[in-house]
Every structure is written in C-alpha cells, then in structure tokens.
C-alpha cells in the first residue's frame, strides 16, 4: 500500500506500518480511520529508534500530548496541543535527561518560559502577567513572598543577570559579562524607566579600566511600556568619558530636544545649545568653548538653520573679536546681515559697518571697513 496514494487508502481503517525494505526497521506508524490519518502516529530514525509521536485529530492537527525523543529513548521534548495549538506546560530536556526549558502556553501564545544550564540554574526567563504554573511563582514574584530577586546564569555557571519581579512585572535588571563585570542596568526612578550602560574600556589605545564605569544613561518619560522597552519619549540622555566625566547631556520635552550640552574630558564646557519656541518661532541658541573654558562664539539660528539676531566670536584671550547682527526672518523665512563689527585682541574697535539692502556698506567714520 502506498500511503501517499489517497485512492489506495480510501475506506481503510487500522494501523499503517512502514518499514525500511532493506533492514525491516520501522520508519513510521500511522492510524487510519476510513481512509484518513486520524489517531496516534509515531516516526522513527534510520536505526528504528523512536523520534517523535503524537495524536492527529479530524482536522489533521496535533491533539493532546506530543513528544520527541533522544536516540537513547530519553524524552527530549513534550507538550500538549489543542487542535494544533500548544496549550499548557511544555518541557524540553537535554541528552542527559536534565530539564533544559520549561514553558506554559495559553491564549494562543507562550505566557511563561524559563531555560536552564546543565547545573539547573536559570539562564533565561520570561514572566507572565499572572501566575501560570507553580514554577513561575518564586521566580516572578507571585504570591505572599512578594517581590523576587532572580539570578540568571551563563551556561558555565557564571552570573549573567539579576532581575527583580513584582507580580510578573520586571522592576529592575542588571547584567554582567562573562568576565564578571557589570555591563548595563534598567530600573524605575520616580516612575521613569532608566537605562545605564557600563564599560571598562579605556580611552582609545589605552589599557582597560580596573572596573566598569557608567558611560551612558537614558531616562524616559513615564509611560506604560515594559521596563526594557527601548521605545517611548526620552526625557534625558547622557554620556560619560572613560575617566567618569560627563561629556554629553541632552534634554527633551514632548519628544523634541530642548537642551544639548557637551563637555571636554577635562571637565570644561564644550558646547551649550538651547532650543526655544515652536514652529516658525523656534530659535536655536548656541555657545561654544575652548578646552580652557573660554568662549569661542555665540550663535542664534532660526528653525531653518539661518542666522538671526546677534552672532559673536571671541579671541583666544576672551576679548570679543567680531559681532554680526542679522534681521528677523521675513515672510519667506529669510534673514539678512545688517551690521558687522570687528575688534582687535586688545579690545580696540577695528570696523563698524552697516550693510544696506542692496549689499552696500555704510561705514562709520574714522574706522576701516571690513573686507
């Protein structure tokens, strides 16, 4: 009988067994019911060892227990299905019979899962919104014991992460690398999700630091997202240098940048840019500094990045070097240079020009004009 030929199977019922013609070893067993494969079925490898078994329903989908086996007959995986969809507990075992993964399915999805290393320590964990099985209670912070601080491990037994759960909700998380150094953490502060990244990498070309230092921080506006979700509106973002000096800070309001600050690794301010107003009235005001803290220039730009108002540059000694005054934006958003002044390093005014609409310069008597 050819199991692929529907005409040969029509009306037949019973157990169909297929064997290797050369060795006589079983290849598969399937239950026939009036010409259709309905009921228990088993599949074997080339050596005749059981690989997997399940029960098929009238729709051709798995129903009840499904199982897979290692070549020595040990259970490899088992779960229960309802019309082809996993339902309830699912367990996976390694070749030595040790529990490798435990999960629980419901509502058409996986609600809970935990994976283990060979020592039986948890390596990965996904908690449900509500307790799904006894094994999730101590790991995910369900029940009278309250919050749970759960350690996760690498395959070799090293500490990989520590997570704090309250009734299945992740409240804090810290992670370490294989060398035992902390790499990141997530936590709630004042209702805001906070992410911090740590690194022991030194400056370019330098040796690694003796211990990790904070290098990055992101603070999100309060929302209902899970703790480790990288989406949502930012409130503050910061970066640090290898010596622990804050070198960059950006603040946000309603999803847009309102303040950006930068520092040199020596602690001196490098840049400060403030965004005010919205739409056509938006202005970007910036101040820029040398690494000794002295101001190099000030600028003011429109939303279209065109200069407006007063722009200033400074000599290395801190004295004002030049000042340009631009008009307010016209109906097309354009601006025009109206006044230009220049000073020597000793503060002497060297040029003072008014620029007219046709581009010509009106020079102040007694001073040389700018080129």
Protein backbone atom coordinates (compact mmCIF):
# COMPACT_ATOMS: atom_id res chain seq x y z
CA UNK A 1 0.00 0.00 0.00
CA UNK A 2 1.30 3.45 -0.93
CA UNK A 3 0.49 5.87 1.93
CA UNK A 4 0.80 8.80 -0.48
CA UNK A 5 -1.92 7.39 -2.73
CA UNK A 6 -5.31 8.50 -1.45
CA UNK A 7 -7.11 6.04 -3.72
CA UNK A 8 -5.38 3.08 -2.08
CA UNK A 9 -6.24 4.38 1.40
CA UNK A 10 -9.91 5.07 0.68
CA UNK A 11 -12.20 3.37 3.21
CA UNK A 12 -9.32 1.68 5.04
CA UNK A 13 -9.02 1.66 8.85
CA UNK A 14 -6.33 0.28 11.15
CA UNK A 15 -2.63 0.76 11.88
CA UNK A 16 -0.41 1.52 8.88
CA UNK A 17 3.22 0.50 9.42
CA UNK A 18 6.04 1.44 7.07
CA UNK A 19 9.40 -0.36 7.28
CA UNK A 20 12.77 0.00 5.62
CA UNK A 21 12.73 -2.64 2.86
CA UNK A 22 16.42 -3.41 3.39
CA UNK A 23 16.51 -3.72 7.19
CA UNK A 24 12.91 -4.19 8.17
CA UNK A 25 13.27 -1.43 10.73
CA UNK A 26 10.16 0.69 11.34
CA UNK A 27 10.02 4.11 9.74
CA UNK A 28 6.57 5.24 10.81
CA UNK A 29 3.26 4.09 12.23
CA UNK A 30 0.02 5.93 11.49
CA UNK A 31 -3.58 5.23 12.37
CA UNK A 32 -6.11 5.07 9.53
CA UNK A 33 -9.77 5.79 10.04
CA UNK A 34 -11.90 5.31 6.91
CA UNK A 35 -9.08 6.36 4.62
CA UNK A 36 -7.83 9.30 6.71
CA UNK A 37 -4.90 9.57 9.09
CA UNK A 38 -6.65 10.16 12.40
CA UNK A 39 -5.30 8.97 15.76
CA UNK A 40 -1.83 8.08 17.11
CA UNK A 41 1.24 8.27 14.87
CA UNK A 42 4.91 7.53 15.51
CA UNK A 43 8.04 8.28 13.48
CA UNK A 44 11.43 6.54 13.72
CA UNK A 45 15.01 7.25 12.62
CA UNK A 46 17.04 5.05 10.24
CA UNK A 47 18.05 2.80 13.12
CA UNK A 48 14.42 2.20 14.01
CA UNK A 49 14.55 4.33 17.15
CA UNK A 50 11.50 6.38 18.07
CA UNK A 51 11.91 10.06 17.16
CA UNK A 52 8.51 11.58 17.86
CA UNK A 53 4.90 10.70 18.48
CA UNK A 54 1.58 12.48 18.58
CA UNK A 55 -2.15 12.07 18.01
CA UNK A 56 -3.83 13.61 14.96
CA UNK A 57 -7.42 14.88 15.05
CA UNK A 58 -10.05 15.02 12.29
CA UNK A 59 -8.57 18.28 11.01
CA UNK A 60 -5.08 16.82 10.66
CA UNK A 61 -3.73 18.80 13.61
CA UNK A 62 -1.99 17.63 16.77
CA UNK A 63 -4.31 16.86 19.67
CA UNK A 64 -3.17 16.00 23.18
CA UNK A 65 0.39 15.02 24.08
CA UNK A 66 3.17 15.39 21.53
CA UNK A 67 6.66 14.13 22.31
CA UNK A 68 10.17 13.96 20.83
CA UNK A 69 12.92 11.58 21.94
CA UNK A 70 16.70 11.35 22.02
CA UNK A 71 18.28 8.35 20.23
CA UNK A 72 18.66 6.51 23.55
CA UNK A 73 14.93 6.78 24.18
CA UNK A 74 15.08 9.58 26.71
CA UNK A 75 12.41 12.24 26.45
CA UNK A 76 13.63 15.30 24.54
CA UNK A 77 10.50 17.45 24.45
CA UNK A 78 6.85 17.14 25.35
CA UNK A 79 3.86 19.44 25.23
CA UNK A 80 0.09 19.29 24.86
CA UNK A 81 -1.85 20.66 21.91
CA UNK A 82 -5.46 21.60 21.26
CA UNK A 83 -6.19 21.44 17.54
CA UNK A 84 -2.56 22.11 16.69
CA UNK A 85 -2.01 24.96 19.16
CA UNK A 86 0.22 24.39 22.20
CA UNK A 87 -1.71 24.54 25.45
CA UNK A 88 -0.43 24.22 29.00
CA UNK A 89 3.06 23.10 30.08
CA UNK A 90 5.88 22.31 27.63
CA UNK A 91 9.18 20.77 28.73
CA UNK A 92 12.50 20.22 26.97
CA UNK A 93 15.33 18.02 28.25
CA UNK A 94 18.98 17.69 27.28
CA UNK A 95 20.56 14.40 26.23
CA UNK A 96 21.32 13.58 29.88
CA UNK A 97 17.70 13.95 30.93
CA UNK A 98 18.15 17.30 32.66
CA UNK A 99 15.40 19.90 32.32
CA UNK A 100 16.54 22.43 29.72
CA UNK A 101 13.44 24.58 29.22
CA UNK A 102 10.03 24.91 30.83
CA UNK A 103 7.19 26.90 29.28
CA UNK A 104 3.46 27.41 29.58
CA UNK A 105 1.12 28.20 26.67
CA UNK A 106 -2.32 29.76 26.80
CA UNK A 107 -4.49 32.11 24.78
CA UNK A 108 -2.59 31.08 21.66
CA UNK A 109 0.80 32.27 22.90
CA UNK A 110 3.63 31.43 25.22
CA UNK A 111 2.91 33.02 28.60
CA UNK A 112 5.91 31.88 30.64
CA UNK A 113 9.29 30.33 29.94
CA UNK A 114 12.50 29.59 31.78
CA UNK A 115 15.67 27.96 30.43
CA UNK A 116 18.33 26.19 32.50
CA UNK A 117 22.03 25.42 32.20
CA UNK A 118 23.39 21.90 32.93
CA UNK A 119 23.64 22.77 36.64
CA UNK A 120 19.92 23.52 36.77
CA UNK A 121 20.42 27.28 37.12
CA UNK A 122 18.07 29.57 35.17
CA UNK A 123 19.65 31.28 32.16
CA UNK A 124 16.63 32.97 30.54
CA UNK A 125 13.29 33.99 31.98
CA UNK A 126 10.07 35.45 30.61
CA UNK A 127 7.38 36.04 33.23
CA UNK A 128 3.60 36.07 32.71
CA UNK A 129 1.23 38.86 33.73
CA UNK A 130 -0.50 36.38 36.05
CA UNK A 131 0.87 33.19 37.54
CA UNK A 132 0.50 30.36 35.04
CA UNK A 133 2.07 27.43 36.92
CA UNK A 134 3.70 26.77 40.31
CA UNK A 135 7.23 27.09 38.91
CA UNK A 136 6.77 30.77 38.00
CA UNK A 137 5.80 31.95 41.49
CA UNK A 138 9.19 32.12 43.18
CA UNK A 139 10.94 33.32 40.01
CA UNK A 140 8.46 36.04 39.02
CA UNK A 141 7.40 37.44 42.38
CA UNK A 142 3.91 35.99 42.71
CA UNK A 143 2.33 35.06 45.99
CA UNK A 144 2.75 36.11 49.63
CA UNK A 145 6.55 36.27 49.43
CA UNK A 146 6.24 39.44 47.33
CA UNK A 147 8.97 40.67 45.01
CA UNK A 148 11.58 38.18 43.78
CA UNK A 149 15.24 38.93 43.06
CA UNK A 150 16.08 36.26 40.50
CA UNK A 151 19.62 35.49 39.37
CA UNK A 152 20.27 34.31 35.81
CA UNK A 153 23.45 32.47 34.82
CA UNK A 154 25.63 31.68 31.83
CA UNK A 155 25.93 28.10 30.62
CA UNK A 156 29.17 27.70 32.58
CA UNK A 157 27.54 28.87 35.83
CA UNK A 158 28.82 32.45 35.86
CA UNK A 159 26.41 35.20 36.92
CA UNK A 160 24.75 36.81 33.89
CA UNK A 161 21.93 38.94 35.28
CA UNK A 162 19.84 39.80 38.30
CA UNK A 163 16.20 40.75 37.83
CA UNK A 164 13.60 41.97 40.28
CA UNK A 165 9.99 40.98 39.59
CA UNK A 166 6.78 42.02 41.32
CA UNK A 167 3.72 40.00 40.28
CA UNK A 168 5.37 39.19 36.96
CA UNK A 169 6.38 42.77 36.19
CA UNK A 170 10.07 43.47 35.72
CA UNK A 171 11.06 46.29 38.08
CA UNK A 172 14.87 46.24 37.81
CA UNK A 173 17.52 44.40 35.82
CA UNK A 174 21.33 44.29 35.93
CA UNK A 175 23.57 42.38 33.53
CA UNK A 176 27.18 41.18 33.65
CA UNK A 177 29.58 39.88 31.00
CA UNK A 178 31.46 36.59 31.11
CA UNK A 179 34.33 38.31 32.98
CA UNK A 180 32.00 39.25 35.84
CA UNK A 181 31.89 42.97 35.01
CA UNK A 182 28.59 44.83 35.00
CA UNK A 183 27.52 45.98 31.53
CA UNK A 184 24.06 47.50 32.00
CA UNK A 185 21.09 48.08 34.25
CA UNK A 186 17.42 49.01 33.92
CA UNK A 187 15.36 50.43 36.76
CA UNK A 188 12.47 52.73 37.63
CA UNK A 189 13.21 56.12 39.20
CA UNK A 190 10.31 58.42 40.07
CA UNK A 191 8.08 56.46 37.70
CA UNK A 192 10.51 56.80 34.79
CA UNK A 193 12.32 53.98 33.02
CA UNK A 194 16.10 54.41 33.31
CA UNK A 195 18.79 52.60 31.33
CA UNK A 196 22.50 52.75 32.17
CA UNK A 197 25.41 51.21 30.28
CA UNK A 198 28.77 50.45 31.89
CA UNK A 199 32.14 49.72 30.32
CA UNK A 200 35.72 49.09 31.40
CA UNK A 201 37.10 50.18 28.02
CA UNK A 202 39.69 52.91 28.44
CA UNK A 203 40.44 55.78 26.03
CA UNK A 204 41.48 54.79 22.53
CA UNK A 205 44.78 52.92 22.68
CA UNK A 206 44.80 52.81 26.48
CA UNK A 207 44.56 49.83 28.80
CA UNK A 208 41.24 48.66 30.16
CA UNK A 209 40.00 50.24 33.36
CA UNK A 210 40.21 48.26 36.62
CA UNK A 211 36.40 48.40 36.98
CA UNK A 212 33.49 49.38 34.74
CA UNK A 213 32.27 52.98 34.86
CA UNK A 214 28.98 54.45 33.73
CA UNK A 215 29.19 55.51 30.08
CA UNK A 216 25.59 56.09 29.02
CA UNK A 217 22.22 56.86 30.60
CA UNK A 218 18.75 57.19 29.08
CA UNK A 219 15.76 58.39 31.10
CA UNK A 220 12.31 58.00 29.54
CA UNK A 221 9.16 59.96 30.23
CA UNK A 222 6.64 58.00 32.36
CA UNK A 223 4.65 55.52 30.26
CA UNK A 224 3.12 52.05 30.41
CA UNK A 225 5.87 50.32 28.40
CA UNK A 226 7.82 47.37 29.83
CA UNK A 227 10.98 48.33 31.70
CA UNK A 228 13.45 47.25 28.98
CA UNK A 229 11.46 48.63 26.04
CA UNK A 230 13.75 50.95 24.06
CA UNK A 231 10.84 52.96 22.65
CA UNK A 232 8.92 55.84 24.19
CA UNK A 233 9.78 59.50 24.61
CA UNK A 234 13.12 60.41 26.14
CA UNK A 235 13.44 62.94 28.98
CA UNK A 236 17.24 62.98 29.34
CA UNK A 237 20.17 61.28 27.63
CA UNK A 238 23.74 61.41 28.98
CA UNK A 239 27.21 60.09 28.10
CA UNK A 240 30.43 59.90 30.14
CA UNK A 241 34.09 59.56 29.21
CA UNK A 242 36.32 56.74 30.47
CA UNK A 243 37.51 58.93 33.37
CA UNK A 244 33.93 59.33 34.61
CA UNK A 245 33.50 62.89 33.34
CA UNK A 246 30.07 63.79 31.96
CA UNK A 247 30.69 64.76 28.31
CA UNK A 248 27.21 64.99 26.80
CA UNK A 249 23.71 65.70 28.06
CA UNK A 250 20.53 66.18 26.03
CA UNK A 251 17.16 67.12 27.48
CA UNK A 252 13.83 66.62 25.73
CA UNK A 253 10.29 67.95 26.02
CA UNK A 254 7.38 66.26 24.24
CA UNK A 255 9.84 64.27 22.13
CA UNK A 256 11.99 67.19 20.89
CA UNK A 257 15.43 68.30 22.00
CA UNK A 258 15.38 71.45 24.15
CA UNK A 259 18.90 71.50 25.58
CA UNK A 260 22.16 69.94 24.45
CA UNK A 261 25.34 70.29 26.49
CA UNK A 262 28.82 68.91 25.88
CA UNK A 263 32.00 68.91 27.96
CA UNK A 264 35.65 68.13 27.34
CA UNK A 265 37.12 65.14 29.17
CA UNK A 266 38.95 67.64 31.41
CA UNK A 267 35.60 68.89 32.72
CA UNK A 268 35.49 72.20 30.83
CA UNK A 269 32.31 73.04 28.97
CA UNK A 270 32.49 72.46 25.21
CA UNK A 271 29.05 73.48 23.93
CA UNK A 272 25.62 74.54 25.14
CA UNK A 273 22.69 74.69 22.72
CA UNK A 274 19.16 75.69 23.75
CA UNK A 275 16.02 75.29 21.63
CA UNK A 276 13.17 77.69 22.41
CA UNK A 277 9.80 78.29 20.76
CA UNK A 278 8.00 76.13 18.23
CA UNK A 279 7.30 76.23 14.51
CA UNK A 280 8.48 79.37 12.72
CA UNK A 281 9.20 81.00 16.09
CA UNK A 282 11.70 78.30 17.08
CA UNK A 283 15.20 79.54 17.86
CA UNK A 284 18.43 77.62 18.39
CA UNK A 285 20.88 79.48 20.61
CA UNK A 286 24.37 78.10 20.99
CA UNK A 287 27.54 78.81 22.96
CA UNK A 288 30.85 77.12 22.13
CA UNK A 289 34.02 77.00 24.25
CA UNK A 290 37.72 76.13 24.10
CA UNK A 291 39.13 73.40 26.33
CA UNK A 292 40.31 76.09 28.78
CA UNK A 293 36.71 77.18 29.33
CA UNK A 294 36.90 80.38 27.27
CA UNK A 295 34.07 81.21 24.91
CA UNK A 296 34.81 80.91 21.15
CA UNK A 297 31.47 82.04 19.71
CA UNK A 298 27.76 82.53 20.26
CA UNK A 299 25.10 81.89 17.64
CA UNK A 300 21.36 82.21 17.15
CA UNK A 301 19.55 80.37 14.35
CA UNK A 302 16.00 80.07 13.07
CA UNK A 303 14.10 76.81 12.67
CA UNK A 304 15.52 76.67 9.11
CA UNK A 305 19.08 76.98 10.46
CA UNK A 306 19.50 80.55 9.20
CA UNK A 307 21.35 83.08 11.38
CA UNK A 308 19.22 85.71 13.11
CA UNK A 309 19.93 88.26 15.81
CA UNK A 310 23.45 88.69 17.20
CA UNK A 311 26.33 86.31 16.33
CA UNK A 312 29.61 86.74 18.24
CA UNK A 313 33.15 85.37 18.03
CA UNK A 314 35.93 85.78 20.59
CA UNK A 315 39.72 85.96 20.58
CA UNK A 316 41.75 83.36 22.49
CA UNK A 317 42.22 85.89 25.30
CA UNK A 318 38.44 86.11 25.77
CA UNK A 319 38.03 89.53 24.10
CA UNK A 320 35.19 89.97 21.62
CA UNK A 321 36.57 89.53 18.07
CA UNK A 322 33.52 90.08 15.85
CA UNK A 323 29.81 90.66 16.05
CA UNK A 324 27.27 90.27 13.27
CA UNK A 325 23.64 91.25 13.58
CA UNK A 326 21.05 89.61 11.31
CA UNK A 327 17.48 90.64 10.70
CA UNK A 328 14.41 88.76 11.88
CA UNK A 329 13.04 86.32 9.27
CA UNK A 330 10.95 87.89 6.50
CA UNK A 331 7.73 86.42 5.09
CA UNK A 332 9.79 83.76 3.30
CA UNK A 333 11.81 82.89 6.39
CA UNK A 334 14.95 84.59 5.04
CA UNK A 335 17.32 86.69 7.14
CA UNK A 336 19.81 89.39 6.15
CA UNK A 337 23.11 90.58 7.60
CA UNK A 338 22.59 94.16 8.82
CA UNK A 339 25.57 95.12 10.98
CA UNK A 340 29.14 93.84 11.21
CA UNK A 341 31.74 94.89 13.81
CA UNK A 342 35.29 93.71 14.48
CA UNK A 343 37.68 94.23 17.40
CA UNK A 344 41.40 93.70 17.94
CA UNK A 345 42.67 91.43 20.71
CA UNK A 346 43.20 94.46 22.95
CA UNK A 347 39.54 95.44 22.60
CA UNK A 348 40.00 98.26 20.06
CA UNK A 349 37.12 98.58 17.61
CA UNK A 350 38.53 97.98 14.13
CA UNK A 351 35.43 98.03 11.93
CA UNK A 352 31.79 99.02 12.25
CA UNK A 353 29.71 98.58 9.10
CA UNK A 354 26.02 98.77 8.38
CA UNK A 355 25.02 96.59 5.42
CA UNK A 356 22.19 98.02 3.36
CA UNK A 357 19.55 96.04 1.47
CA UNK A 358 21.43 96.31 -1.83
CA UNK A 359 24.57 94.86 -0.24
CA UNK A 360 26.49 98.13 0.02
CA UNK A 361 28.20 99.09 3.28
CA UNK A 362 27.70 102.25 5.27
CA UNK A 363 30.98 102.82 7.07
CA UNK A 364 31.33 104.50 10.41
CA UNK A 365 33.66 107.50 10.05
CA UNK A 366 37.19 107.05 11.32
CA UNK A 367 37.19 103.23 11.14
CA UNK A 368 38.42 100.93 8.38
CA UNK A 369 35.69 98.90 6.68
CA UNK A 370 35.56 95.13 6.77
CA UNK A 371 36.77 93.45 3.58
